Amino acid sequence: MSGTTRREQIEEMLKDDPDEDGFLRYCLAMEHLSAGNEAQAHTGFQALLEAKPDYVAAYLQLGQLLNRMGEEDEARTVFRDGIAVARRKGDDHAANEMSNFLAMLG
């Protein structure tokens, strides 16, 4: 895989791996986000949450992205859903972090 970008490497791994836990999908969405490709990151996080609705970190990242994109109502919904999932999974840190972002949105 020499000479390929990290995004390309992740895409190649996704072809060979069913990505049972969603980690590669999360990494790919984060690569798009890091590269400034907000639309592709948005699509990636949404697809991840459709496939793996318990992937807590995706709610946090998607909520923040939506807020930056000016989609505050949608961001609120994502944060609320993420808080519920995080609490159900016992991830108090993530639930609190998303609660703080939600509070900032008013």
PDB file of N, CA and C in Angstrom:
ATOM      1  N   MET A   1       0.815  -1.193   0.000  1.00  0.00           N
ATOM      2  CA  MET A   1       0.000   0.000   0.000  1.00  0.00           C
ATOM      3  C   MET A   1       0.858   1.256   0.000  1.00  0.00           C
ATOM      4  N   SER A   2       2.118   1.143  -0.312  1.00  0.00           N
ATOM      5  CA  SER A   2       2.979   2.314  -0.300  1.00  0.00           C
ATOM      6  C   SER A   2       2.522   3.307  -1.358  1.00  0.00           C
ATOM      7  N   GLY A   3       2.648   4.586  -1.024  1.00  0.00           N
ATOM      8  CA  GLY A   3       2.240   5.620  -1.945  1.00  0.00           C
ATOM      9  C   GLY A   3       0.761   5.940  -1.903  1.00  0.00           C
ATOM     10  N   THR A   4       0.014   5.239  -1.093  1.00  0.00           N
ATOM     11  CA  THR A   4      -1.408   5.515  -0.981  1.00  0.00           C
ATOM     12  C   THR A   4      -1.666   6.347   0.267  1.00  0.00           C
ATOM     13  N   THR A   5      -2.738   7.101   0.227  1.00  0.00           N
ATOM     14  CA  THR A   5      -3.110   7.904   1.386  1.00  0.00           C
ATOM     15  C   THR A   5      -3.756   7.012   2.455  1.00  0.00           C
ATOM     16  N   ARG A   6      -3.838   7.555   3.636  1.00  0.00           N
ATOM     17  CA  ARG A   6      -4.490   6.807   4.721  1.00  0.00           C
ATOM     18  C   ARG A   6      -5.940   6.527   4.352  1.00  0.00           C
ATOM     19  N   ARG A   7      -6.619   7.518   3.728  1.00  0.00           N
ATOM     20  CA  ARG A   7      -8.001   7.311   3.308  1.00  0.00           C
ATOM     21  C   ARG A   7      -8.092   6.147   2.324  1.00  0.00           C
ATOM     22  N   GLU A   8      -7.175   6.107   1.366  1.00  0.00           N
ATOM     23  CA  GLU A   8      -7.177   5.012   0.382  1.00  0.00           C
ATOM     24  C   GLU A   8      -6.907   3.671   1.059  1.00  0.00           C
ATOM     25  N   GLN A   9      -6.024   3.671   2.032  1.00  0.00           N
ATOM     26  CA  GLN A   9      -5.737   2.435   2.761  1.00  0.00           C
ATOM     27  C   GLN A   9      -6.975   1.948   3.506  1.00  0.00           C
ATOM     28  N   ILE A  10      -7.681   2.871   4.135  1.00  0.00           N
ATOM     29  CA  ILE A  10      -8.896   2.501   4.864  1.00  0.00           C
ATOM     30  C   ILE A  10      -9.948   1.974   3.889  1.00  0.00           C
ATOM     31  N   GLU A  11     -10.111   2.651   2.759  1.00  0.00           N
ATOM     32  CA  GLU A  11     -11.079   2.186   1.756  1.00  0.00           C
ATOM     33  C   GLU A  11     -10.739   0.781   1.275  1.00  0.00           C
ATOM     34  N   GLU A  12      -9.450   0.517   1.082  1.00  0.00           N
ATOM     35  CA  GLU A  12      -9.025  -0.816   0.658  1.00  0.00           C
ATOM     36  C   GLU A  12      -9.334  -1.855   1.735  1.00  0.00           C
ATOM     37  N   MET A  13      -9.066  -1.516   2.986  1.00  0.00           N
ATOM     38  CA  MET A  13      -9.358  -2.446   4.086  1.00  0.00           C
ATOM     39  C   MET A  13     -10.853  -2.714   4.183  1.00  0.00           C
ATOM     40  N   LEU A  14     -11.667  -1.701   3.925  1.00  0.00           N
ATOM     41  CA  LEU A  14     -13.120  -1.885   3.975  1.00  0.00           C
ATOM     42  C   LEU A  14     -13.607  -2.860   2.906  1.00  0.00           C
ATOM     43  N   LYS A  15     -12.912  -2.889   1.771  1.00  0.00           N
ATOM     44  CA  LYS A  15     -13.280  -3.842   0.717  1.00  0.00           C
ATOM     45  C   LYS A  15     -13.070  -5.283   1.173  1.00  0.00           C
ATOM     46  N   ASP A  16     -12.044  -5.479   2.016  1.00  0.00           N
ATOM     47  CA  ASP A  16     -11.664  -6.827   2.447  1.00  0.00           C
ATOM     48  C   ASP A  16     -12.248  -7.229   3.798  1.00  0.00           C
ATOM     49  N   ASP A  17     -12.843  -6.288   4.505  1.00  0.00           N
ATOM     50  CA  ASP A  17     -13.276  -6.516   5.883  1.00  0.00           C
ATOM     51  C   ASP A  17     -14.736  -6.096   6.009  1.00  0.00           C
ATOM     52  N   PRO A  18     -15.583  -6.946   6.553  1.00  0.00           N
ATOM     53  CA  PRO A  18     -16.973  -6.551   6.720  1.00  0.00           C
ATOM     54  C   PRO A  18     -17.153  -5.451   7.780  1.00  0.00           C
ATOM     55  N   ASP A  19     -16.080  -5.101   8.505  1.00  0.00           N
ATOM     56  CA  ASP A  19     -16.101  -4.028   9.505  1.00  0.00           C
ATOM     57  C   ASP A  19     -17.216  -4.244  10.522  1.00  0.00           C
ATOM     58  N   GLU A  20     -17.138  -5.370  11.171  1.00  0.00           N
ATOM     59  CA  GLU A  20     -18.159  -5.771  12.135  1.00  0.00           C
ATOM     60  C   GLU A  20     -18.409  -4.734  13.228  1.00  0.00           C
ATOM     61  N   ASP A  21     -17.352  -4.055  13.690  1.00  0.00           N
ATOM     62  CA  ASP A  21     -17.543  -3.123  14.800  1.00  0.00           C
ATOM     63  C   ASP A  21     -17.680  -1.667  14.356  1.00  0.00           C
ATOM     64  N   GLY A  22     -17.516  -1.375  13.085  1.00  0.00           N
ATOM     65  CA  GLY A  22     -17.690  -0.028  12.579  1.00  0.00           C
ATOM     66  C   GLY A  22     -16.451   0.853  12.634  1.00  0.00           C
ATOM     67  N   PHE A  23     -15.365   0.352  13.182  1.00  0.00           N
ATOM     68  CA  PHE A  23     -14.174   1.174  13.371  1.00  0.00           C
ATOM     69  C   PHE A  23     -13.627   1.740  12.065  1.00  0.00           C
ATOM     70  N   LEU A  24     -13.546   0.922  11.031  1.00  0.00           N
ATOM     71  CA  LEU A  24     -13.007   1.407   9.765  1.00  0.00           C
ATOM     72  C   LEU A  24     -13.909   2.475   9.140  1.00  0.00           C
ATOM     73  N   ARG A  25     -15.203   2.301   9.263  1.00  0.00           N
ATOM     74  CA  ARG A  25     -16.134   3.309   8.750  1.00  0.00           C
ATOM     75  C   ARG A  25     -15.945   4.628   9.499  1.00  0.00           C
ATOM     76  N   TYR A  26     -15.748   4.520  10.805  1.00  0.00           N
ATOM     77  CA  TYR A  26     -15.505   5.724  11.616  1.00  0.00           C
ATOM     78  C   TYR A  26     -14.210   6.396  11.164  1.00  0.00           C
ATOM     79  N   CYS A  27     -13.157   5.609  10.981  1.00  0.00           N
ATOM     80  CA  CYS A  27     -11.870   6.158  10.543  1.00  0.00           C
ATOM     81  C   CYS A  27     -11.999   6.847   9.194  1.00  0.00           C
ATOM     82  N   LEU A  28     -12.754   6.259   8.279  1.00  0.00           N
ATOM     83  CA  LEU A  28     -12.924   6.851   6.959  1.00  0.00           C
ATOM     84  C   LEU A  28     -13.663   8.190   7.062  1.00  0.00           C
ATOM     85  N   ALA A  29     -14.715   8.234   7.852  1.00  0.00           N
ATOM     86  CA  ALA A  29     -15.451   9.491   8.032  1.00  0.00           C
ATOM     87  C   ALA A  29     -14.545  10.557   8.650  1.00  0.00           C
ATOM     88  N   MET A  30     -13.712  10.149   9.609  1.00  0.00           N
ATOM     89  CA  MET A  30     -12.788  11.094  10.240  1.00  0.00           C
ATOM     90  C   MET A  30     -11.745  11.579   9.237  1.00  0.00           C
ATOM     91  N   GLU A  31     -11.293  10.719   8.344  1.00  0.00           N
ATOM     92  CA  GLU A  31     -10.347  11.136   7.304  1.00  0.00           C
ATOM     93  C   GLU A  31     -10.972  12.200   6.403  1.00  0.00           C
ATOM     94  N   HIS A  32     -12.233  11.982   6.031  1.00  0.00           N
ATOM     95  CA  HIS A  32     -12.929  12.984   5.220  1.00  0.00           C
ATOM     96  C   HIS A  32     -13.052  14.296   5.989  1.00  0.00           C
ATOM     97  N   LEU A  33     -13.376  14.202   7.263  1.00  0.00           N
ATOM     98  CA  LEU A  33     -13.507  15.390   8.099  1.00  0.00           C
ATOM     99  C   LEU A  33     -12.179  16.134   8.190  1.00  0.00           C
ATOM    100  N   SER A  34     -11.110  15.416   8.414  1.00  0.00           N
ATOM    101  CA  SER A  34      -9.780  16.027   8.512  1.00  0.00           C
ATOM    102  C   SER A  34      -9.362  16.707   7.213  1.00  0.00           C
ATOM    103  N   ALA A  35      -9.818  16.156   6.102  1.00  0.00           N
ATOM    104  CA  ALA A  35      -9.474  16.721   4.797  1.00  0.00           C
ATOM    105  C   ALA A  35     -10.391  17.881   4.399  1.00  0.00           C
ATOM    106  N   GLY A  36     -11.374  18.184   5.256  1.00  0.00           N
ATOM    107  CA  GLY A  36     -12.297  19.273   4.955  1.00  0.00           C
ATOM    108  C   GLY A  36     -13.444  18.883   4.049  1.00  0.00           C
ATOM    109  N   ASN A  37     -13.617  17.594   3.830  1.00  0.00           N
ATOM    110  CA  ASN A  37     -14.714  17.086   2.989  1.00  0.00           C
ATOM    111  C   ASN A  37     -15.943  16.842   3.866  1.00  0.00           C
ATOM    112  N   GLU A  38     -16.593  17.936   4.253  1.00  0.00           N
ATOM    113  CA  GLU A  38     -17.695  17.828   5.215  1.00  0.00           C
ATOM    114  C   GLU A  38     -18.854  16.987   4.697  1.00  0.00           C
ATOM    115  N   ALA A  39     -19.185  17.130   3.435  1.00  0.00           N
ATOM    116  CA  ALA A  39     -20.311  16.363   2.891  1.00  0.00           C
ATOM    117  C   ALA A  39     -20.027  14.861   2.942  1.00  0.00           C
ATOM    118  N   GLN A  40     -18.811  14.470   2.593  1.00  0.00           N
ATOM    119  CA  GLN A  40     -18.464  13.045   2.637  1.00  0.00           C
ATOM    120  C   GLN A  40     -18.383  12.547   4.077  1.00  0.00           C
ATOM    121  N   ALA A  41     -17.880  13.380   4.980  1.00  0.00           N
ATOM    122  CA  ALA A  41     -17.842  13.000   6.392  1.00  0.00           C
ATOM    123  C   ALA A  41     -19.258  12.820   6.919  1.00  0.00           C
ATOM    124  N   HIS A  42     -20.139  13.741   6.568  1.00  0.00           N
ATOM    125  CA  HIS A  42     -21.541  13.670   6.985  1.00  0.00           C
ATOM    126  C   HIS A  42     -22.168  12.364   6.522  1.00  0.00           C
ATOM    127  N   THR A  43     -21.972  12.059   5.251  1.00  0.00           N
ATOM    128  CA  THR A  43     -22.499  10.816   4.689  1.00  0.00           C
ATOM    129  C   THR A  43     -21.912   9.601   5.404  1.00  0.00           C
ATOM    130  N   GLY A  44     -20.609   9.645   5.662  1.00  0.00           N
ATOM    131  CA  GLY A  44     -19.943   8.527   6.333  1.00  0.00           C
ATOM    132  C   GLY A  44     -20.456   8.287   7.740  1.00  0.00           C
ATOM    133  N   PHE A  45     -20.609   9.374   8.513  1.00  0.00           N
ATOM    134  CA  PHE A  45     -21.113   9.212   9.884  1.00  0.00           C
ATOM    135  C   PHE A  45     -22.557   8.713   9.875  1.00  0.00           C
ATOM    136  N   GLN A  46     -23.371   9.227   8.965  1.00  0.00           N
ATOM    137  CA  GLN A  46     -24.759   8.765   8.892  1.00  0.00           C
ATOM    138  C   GLN A  46     -24.833   7.287   8.521  1.00  0.00           C
ATOM    139  N   ALA A  47     -24.026   6.876   7.549  1.00  0.00           N
ATOM    140  CA  ALA A  47     -24.020   5.465   7.145  1.00  0.00           C
ATOM    141  C   ALA A  47     -23.548   4.588   8.298  1.00  0.00           C
ATOM    142  N   LEU A  48     -22.554   5.051   9.020  1.00  0.00           N
ATOM    143  CA  LEU A  48     -22.061   4.290  10.169  1.00  0.00           C
ATOM    144  C   LEU A  48     -23.163   4.119  11.210  1.00  0.00           C
ATOM    145  N   LEU A  49     -23.872   5.205  11.520  1.00  0.00           N
ATOM    146  CA  LEU A  49     -24.918   5.119  12.539  1.00  0.00           C
ATOM    147  C   LEU A  49     -26.107   4.282  12.074  1.00  0.00           C
ATOM    148  N   GLU A  50     -26.357   4.245  10.776  1.00  0.00           N
ATOM    149  CA  GLU A  50     -27.412   3.355  10.271  1.00  0.00           C
ATOM    150  C   GLU A  50     -27.007   1.899  10.445  1.00  0.00           C
ATOM    151  N   ALA A  51     -25.730   1.612  10.200  1.00  0.00           N
ATOM    152  CA  ALA A  51     -25.231   0.239  10.308  1.00  0.00           C
ATOM    153  C   ALA A  51     -24.939  -0.159  11.749  1.00  0.00           C
ATOM    154  N   LYS A  52     -24.440   0.787  12.525  1.00  0.00           N
ATOM    155  CA  LYS A  52     -24.021   0.530  13.913  1.00  0.00           C
ATOM    156  C   LYS A  52     -24.584   1.620  14.816  1.00  0.00           C
ATOM    157  N   PRO A  53     -25.863   1.557  15.154  1.00  0.00           N
ATOM    158  CA  PRO A  53     -26.484   2.638  15.921  1.00  0.00           C
ATOM    159  C   PRO A  53     -25.939   2.807  17.344  1.00  0.00           C
ATOM    160  N   ASP A  54     -25.099   1.897  17.797  1.00  0.00           N
ATOM    161  CA  ASP A  54     -24.501   2.020  19.133  1.00  0.00           C
ATOM    162  C   ASP A  54     -23.089   2.606  19.097  1.00  0.00           C
ATOM    163  N   TYR A  55     -22.640   3.121  17.949  1.00  0.00           N
ATOM    164  CA  TYR A  55     -21.288   3.662  17.824  1.00  0.00           C
ATOM    165  C   TYR A  55     -21.282   5.091  18.363  1.00  0.00           C
ATOM    166  N   VAL A  56     -21.044   5.206  19.668  1.00  0.00           N
ATOM    167  CA  VAL A  56     -21.197   6.465  20.403  1.00  0.00           C
ATOM    168  C   VAL A  56     -20.371   7.605  19.814  1.00  0.00           C
ATOM    169  N   ALA A  57     -19.119   7.357  19.494  1.00  0.00           N
ATOM    170  CA  ALA A  57     -18.242   8.430  19.010  1.00  0.00           C
ATOM    171  C   ALA A  57     -18.772   9.080  17.740  1.00  0.00           C
ATOM    172  N   ALA A  58     -19.495   8.338  16.925  1.00  0.00           N
ATOM    173  CA  ALA A  58     -20.036   8.894  15.685  1.00  0.00           C
ATOM    174  C   ALA A  58     -21.096   9.952  15.974  1.00  0.00           C
ATOM    175  N   TYR A  59     -21.863   9.772  17.046  1.00  0.00           N
ATOM    176  CA  TYR A  59     -22.863  10.780  17.406  1.00  0.00           C
ATOM    177  C   TYR A  59     -22.181  12.102  17.768  1.00  0.00           C
ATOM    178  N   LEU A  60     -21.126  12.010  18.543  1.00  0.00           N
ATOM    179  CA  LEU A  60     -20.404  13.212  18.950  1.00  0.00           C
ATOM    180  C   LEU A  60     -19.845  13.944  17.732  1.00  0.00           C
ATOM    181  N   GLN A  61     -19.165  13.207  16.857  1.00  0.00           N
ATOM    182  CA  GLN A  61     -18.556  13.828  15.686  1.00  0.00           C
ATOM    183  C   GLN A  61     -19.607  14.380  14.719  1.00  0.00           C
ATOM    184  N   LEU A  62     -20.666  13.615  14.491  1.00  0.00           N
ATOM    185  CA  LEU A  62     -21.716  14.066  13.582  1.00  0.00           C
ATOM    186  C   LEU A  62     -22.426  15.291  14.142  1.00  0.00           C
ATOM    187  N   GLY A  63     -22.706  15.295  15.424  1.00  0.00           N
ATOM    188  CA  GLY A  63     -23.357  16.453  16.039  1.00  0.00           C
ATOM    189  C   GLY A  63     -22.513  17.710  15.904  1.00  0.00           C
ATOM    190  N   GLN A  64     -21.223  17.587  16.147  1.00  0.00           N
ATOM    191  CA  GLN A  64     -20.337  18.734  16.002  1.00  0.00           C
ATOM    192  C   GLN A  64     -20.282  19.204  14.552  1.00  0.00           C
ATOM    193  N   LEU A  65     -20.204  18.258  13.630  1.00  0.00           N
ATOM    194  CA  LEU A  65     -20.160  18.596  12.211  1.00  0.00           C
ATOM    195  C   LEU A  65     -21.432  19.321  11.791  1.00  0.00           C
ATOM    196  N   LEU A  66     -22.563  18.798  12.184  1.00  0.00           N
ATOM    197  CA  LEU A  66     -23.836  19.438  11.831  1.00  0.00           C
ATOM    198  C   LEU A  66     -23.907  20.856  12.388  1.00  0.00           C
ATOM    199  N   ASN A  67     -23.434  21.048  13.596  1.00  0.00           N
ATOM    200  CA  ASN A  67     -23.424  22.376  14.182  1.00  0.00           C
ATOM    201  C   ASN A  67     -22.565  23.328  13.343  1.00  0.00           C
ATOM    202  N   ARG A  68     -21.369  22.870  12.949  1.00  0.00           N
ATOM    203  CA  ARG A  68     -20.492  23.700  12.115  1.00  0.00           C
ATOM    204  C   ARG A  68     -21.135  24.016  10.771  1.00  0.00           C
ATOM    205  N   MET A  69     -21.960  23.094  10.275  1.00  0.00           N
ATOM    206  CA  MET A  69     -22.614  23.284   8.991  1.00  0.00           C
ATOM    207  C   MET A  69     -23.872  24.155   9.115  1.00  0.00           C
ATOM    208  N   GLY A  70     -24.178  24.597  10.337  1.00  0.00           N
ATOM    209  CA  GLY A  70     -25.349  25.439  10.555  1.00  0.00           C
ATOM    210  C   GLY A  70     -26.646  24.665  10.709  1.00  0.00           C
ATOM    211  N   GLU A  71     -26.548  23.375  10.877  1.00  0.00           N
ATOM    212  CA  GLU A  71     -27.727  22.505  11.024  1.00  0.00           C
ATOM    213  C   GLU A  71     -27.971  22.240  12.514  1.00  0.00           C
ATOM    214  N   GLU A  72     -28.307  23.304  13.252  1.00  0.00           N
ATOM    215  CA  GLU A  72     -28.401  23.185  14.704  1.00  0.00           C
ATOM    216  C   GLU A  72     -29.519  22.254  15.173  1.00  0.00           C
ATOM    217  N   ASP A  73     -30.668  22.295  14.523  1.00  0.00           N
ATOM    218  CA  ASP A  73     -31.759  21.403  14.937  1.00  0.00           C
ATOM    219  C   ASP A  73     -31.367  19.942  14.762  1.00  0.00           C
ATOM    220  N   GLU A  74     -30.748  19.646  13.631  1.00  0.00           N
ATOM    221  CA  GLU A  74     -30.314  18.272  13.383  1.00  0.00           C
ATOM    222  C   GLU A  74     -29.211  17.886  14.368  1.00  0.00           C
ATOM    223  N   ALA A  75     -28.324  18.827  14.680  1.00  0.00           N
ATOM    224  CA  ALA A  75     -27.258  18.571  15.658  1.00  0.00           C
ATOM    225  C   ALA A  75     -27.861  18.236  17.018  1.00  0.00           C
ATOM    226  N   ARG A  76     -28.869  18.987  17.418  1.00  0.00           N
ATOM    227  CA  ARG A  76     -29.534  18.708  18.713  1.00  0.00           C
ATOM    228  C   ARG A  76     -30.086  17.284  18.744  1.00  0.00           C
ATOM    229  N   THR A  77     -30.741  16.899  17.657  1.00  0.00           N
ATOM    230  CA  THR A  77     -31.323  15.556  17.584  1.00  0.00           C
ATOM    231  C   THR A  77     -30.237  14.491  17.697  1.00  0.00           C
ATOM    232  N   VAL A  78     -29.137  14.691  16.972  1.00  0.00           N
ATOM    233  CA  VAL A  78     -28.036  13.724  17.006  1.00  0.00           C
ATOM    234  C   VAL A  78     -27.445  13.652  18.407  1.00  0.00           C
ATOM    235  N   PHE A  79     -27.225  14.801  19.036  1.00  0.00           N
ATOM    236  CA  PHE A  79     -26.684  14.787  20.400  1.00  0.00           C
ATOM    237  C   PHE A  79     -27.640  14.083  21.370  1.00  0.00           C
ATOM    238  N   ARG A  80     -28.937  14.360  21.258  1.00  0.00           N
ATOM    239  CA  ARG A  80     -29.910  13.696  22.157  1.00  0.00           C
ATOM    240  C   ARG A  80     -29.897  12.180  21.959  1.00  0.00           C
ATOM    241  N   ASP A  81     -29.879  11.767  20.705  1.00  0.00           N
ATOM    242  CA  ASP A  81     -29.824  10.326  20.424  1.00  0.00           C
ATOM    243  C   ASP A  81     -28.528   9.734  20.966  1.00  0.00           C
ATOM    244  N   GLY A  82     -27.424  10.440  20.757  1.00  0.00           N
ATOM    245  CA  GLY A  82     -26.121   9.971  21.221  1.00  0.00           C
ATOM    246  C   GLY A  82     -26.039   9.867  22.728  1.00  0.00           C
ATOM    247  N   ILE A  83     -26.620  10.830  23.421  1.00  0.00           N
ATOM    248  CA  ILE A  83     -26.635  10.807  24.889  1.00  0.00           C
ATOM    249  C   ILE A  83     -27.378   9.568  25.376  1.00  0.00           C
ATOM    250  N   ALA A  84     -28.516   9.290  24.755  1.00  0.00           N
ATOM    251  CA  ALA A  84     -29.307   8.107  25.149  1.00  0.00           C
ATOM    252  C   ALA A  84     -28.505   6.825  24.925  1.00  0.00           C
ATOM    253  N   VAL A  85     -27.837   6.724  23.781  1.00  0.00           N
ATOM    254  CA  VAL A  85     -27.036   5.529  23.482  1.00  0.00           C
ATOM    255  C   VAL A  85     -25.872   5.422  24.459  1.00  0.00           C
ATOM    256  N   ALA A  86     -25.185   6.528  24.690  1.00  0.00           N
ATOM    257  CA  ALA A  86     -24.034   6.510  25.604  1.00  0.00           C
ATOM    258  C   ALA A  86     -24.453   6.085  27.003  1.00  0.00           C
ATOM    259  N   ARG A  87     -25.565   6.615  27.478  1.00  0.00           N
ATOM    260  CA  ARG A  87     -26.041   6.238  28.830  1.00  0.00           C
ATOM    261  C   ARG A  87     -26.408   4.762  28.875  1.00  0.00           C
ATOM    262  N   ARG A  88     -27.065   4.294  27.829  1.00  0.00           N
ATOM    263  CA  ARG A  88     -27.448   2.874  27.788  1.00  0.00           C
ATOM    264  C   ARG A  88     -26.215   1.983  27.828  1.00  0.00           C
ATOM    265  N   LYS A  89     -25.125   2.454  27.207  1.00  0.00           N
ATOM    266  CA  LYS A  89     -23.885   1.672  27.172  1.00  0.00           C
ATOM    267  C   LYS A  89     -22.990   1.941  28.378  1.00  0.00           C
ATOM    268  N   GLY A  90     -23.407   2.838  29.266  1.00  0.00           N
ATOM    269  CA  GLY A  90     -22.613   3.136  30.448  1.00  0.00           C
ATOM    270  C   GLY A  90     -21.426   4.048  30.179  1.00  0.00           C
ATOM    271  N   ASP A  91     -21.469   4.791  29.072  1.00  0.00           N
ATOM    272  CA  ASP A  91     -20.379   5.704  28.716  1.00  0.00           C
ATOM    273  C   ASP A  91     -20.743   7.109  29.198  1.00  0.00           C
ATOM    274  N   ASP A  92     -20.548   7.336  30.498  1.00  0.00           N
ATOM    275  CA  ASP A  92     -20.915   8.617  31.096  1.00  0.00           C
ATOM    276  C   ASP A  92     -20.091   9.774  30.545  1.00  0.00           C
ATOM    277  N   HIS A  93     -18.830   9.521  30.253  1.00  0.00           N
ATOM    278  CA  HIS A  93     -17.968  10.587  29.726  1.00  0.00           C
ATOM    279  C   HIS A  93     -18.529  11.126  28.406  1.00  0.00           C
ATOM    280  N   ALA A  94     -18.853  10.236  27.488  1.00  0.00           N
ATOM    281  CA  ALA A  94     -19.394  10.664  26.192  1.00  0.00           C
ATOM    282  C   ALA A  94     -20.755  11.325  26.373  1.00  0.00           C
ATOM    283  N   ALA A  95     -21.587  10.773  27.253  1.00  0.00           N
ATOM    284  CA  ALA A  95     -22.903  11.363  27.497  1.00  0.00           C
ATOM    285  C   ALA A  95     -22.755  12.785  28.025  1.00  0.00           C
ATOM    286  N   ASN A  96     -21.831  12.989  28.954  1.00  0.00           N
ATOM    287  CA  ASN A  96     -21.613  14.327  29.507  1.00  0.00           C
ATOM    288  C   ASN A  96     -21.063  15.287  28.462  1.00  0.00           C
ATOM    289  N   GLU A  97     -20.144  14.803  27.637  1.00  0.00           N
ATOM    290  CA  GLU A  97     -19.566  15.646  26.598  1.00  0.00           C
ATOM    291  C   GLU A  97     -20.646  16.101  25.613  1.00  0.00           C
ATOM    292  N   MET A  98     -21.489  15.174  25.197  1.00  0.00           N
ATOM    293  CA  MET A  98     -22.568  15.542  24.271  1.00  0.00           C
ATOM    294  C   MET A  98     -23.599  16.431  24.954  1.00  0.00           C
ATOM    295  N   SER A  99     -23.838  16.210  26.241  1.00  0.00           N
ATOM    296  CA  SER A  99     -24.754  17.074  26.988  1.00  0.00           C
ATOM    297  C   SER A  99     -24.230  18.512  27.016  1.00  0.00           C
ATOM    298  N   ASN A 100     -22.939  18.668  27.180  1.00  0.00           N
ATOM    299  CA  ASN A 100     -22.331  20.001  27.180  1.00  0.00           C
ATOM    300  C   ASN A 100     -22.503  20.677  25.825  1.00  0.00           C
ATOM    301  N   PHE A 101     -22.273  19.933  24.743  1.00  0.00           N
ATOM    302  CA  PHE A 101     -22.471  20.504  23.408  1.00  0.00           C
ATOM    303  C   PHE A 101     -23.937  20.872  23.195  1.00  0.00           C
ATOM    304  N   LEU A 102     -24.840  20.013  23.662  1.00  0.00           N
ATOM    305  CA  LEU A 102     -26.268  20.281  23.525  1.00  0.00           C
ATOM    306  C   LEU A 102     -26.645  21.549  24.272  1.00  0.00           C
ATOM    307  N   ALA A 103     -26.110  21.721  25.479  1.00  0.00           N
ATOM    308  CA  ALA A 103     -26.396  22.909  26.272  1.00  0.00           C
ATOM    309  C   ALA A 103     -25.904  24.176  25.572  1.00  0.00           C
ATOM    310  N   MET A 104     -24.765  24.087  24.902  1.00  0.00           N
ATOM    311  CA  MET A 104     -24.245  25.260  24.179  1.00  0.00           C
ATOM    312  C   MET A 104     -25.142  25.646  23.006  1.00  0.00           C
ATOM    313  N   LEU A 105     -25.844  24.662  22.451  1.00  0.00           N
ATOM    314  CA  LEU A 105     -26.749  24.955  21.344  1.00  0.00           C
ATOM    315  C   LEU A 105     -28.031  25.628  21.822  1.00  0.00           C
ATOM    316  N   GLY A 106     -28.293  25.493  23.128  1.00  0.00           N
ATOM    317  CA  GLY A 106     -29.457  26.154  23.711  1.00  0.00           C
ATOM    318  C   GLY A 106     -30.752  25.446  23.484  1.00  0.00           C
TER     319      GLY A 106
END
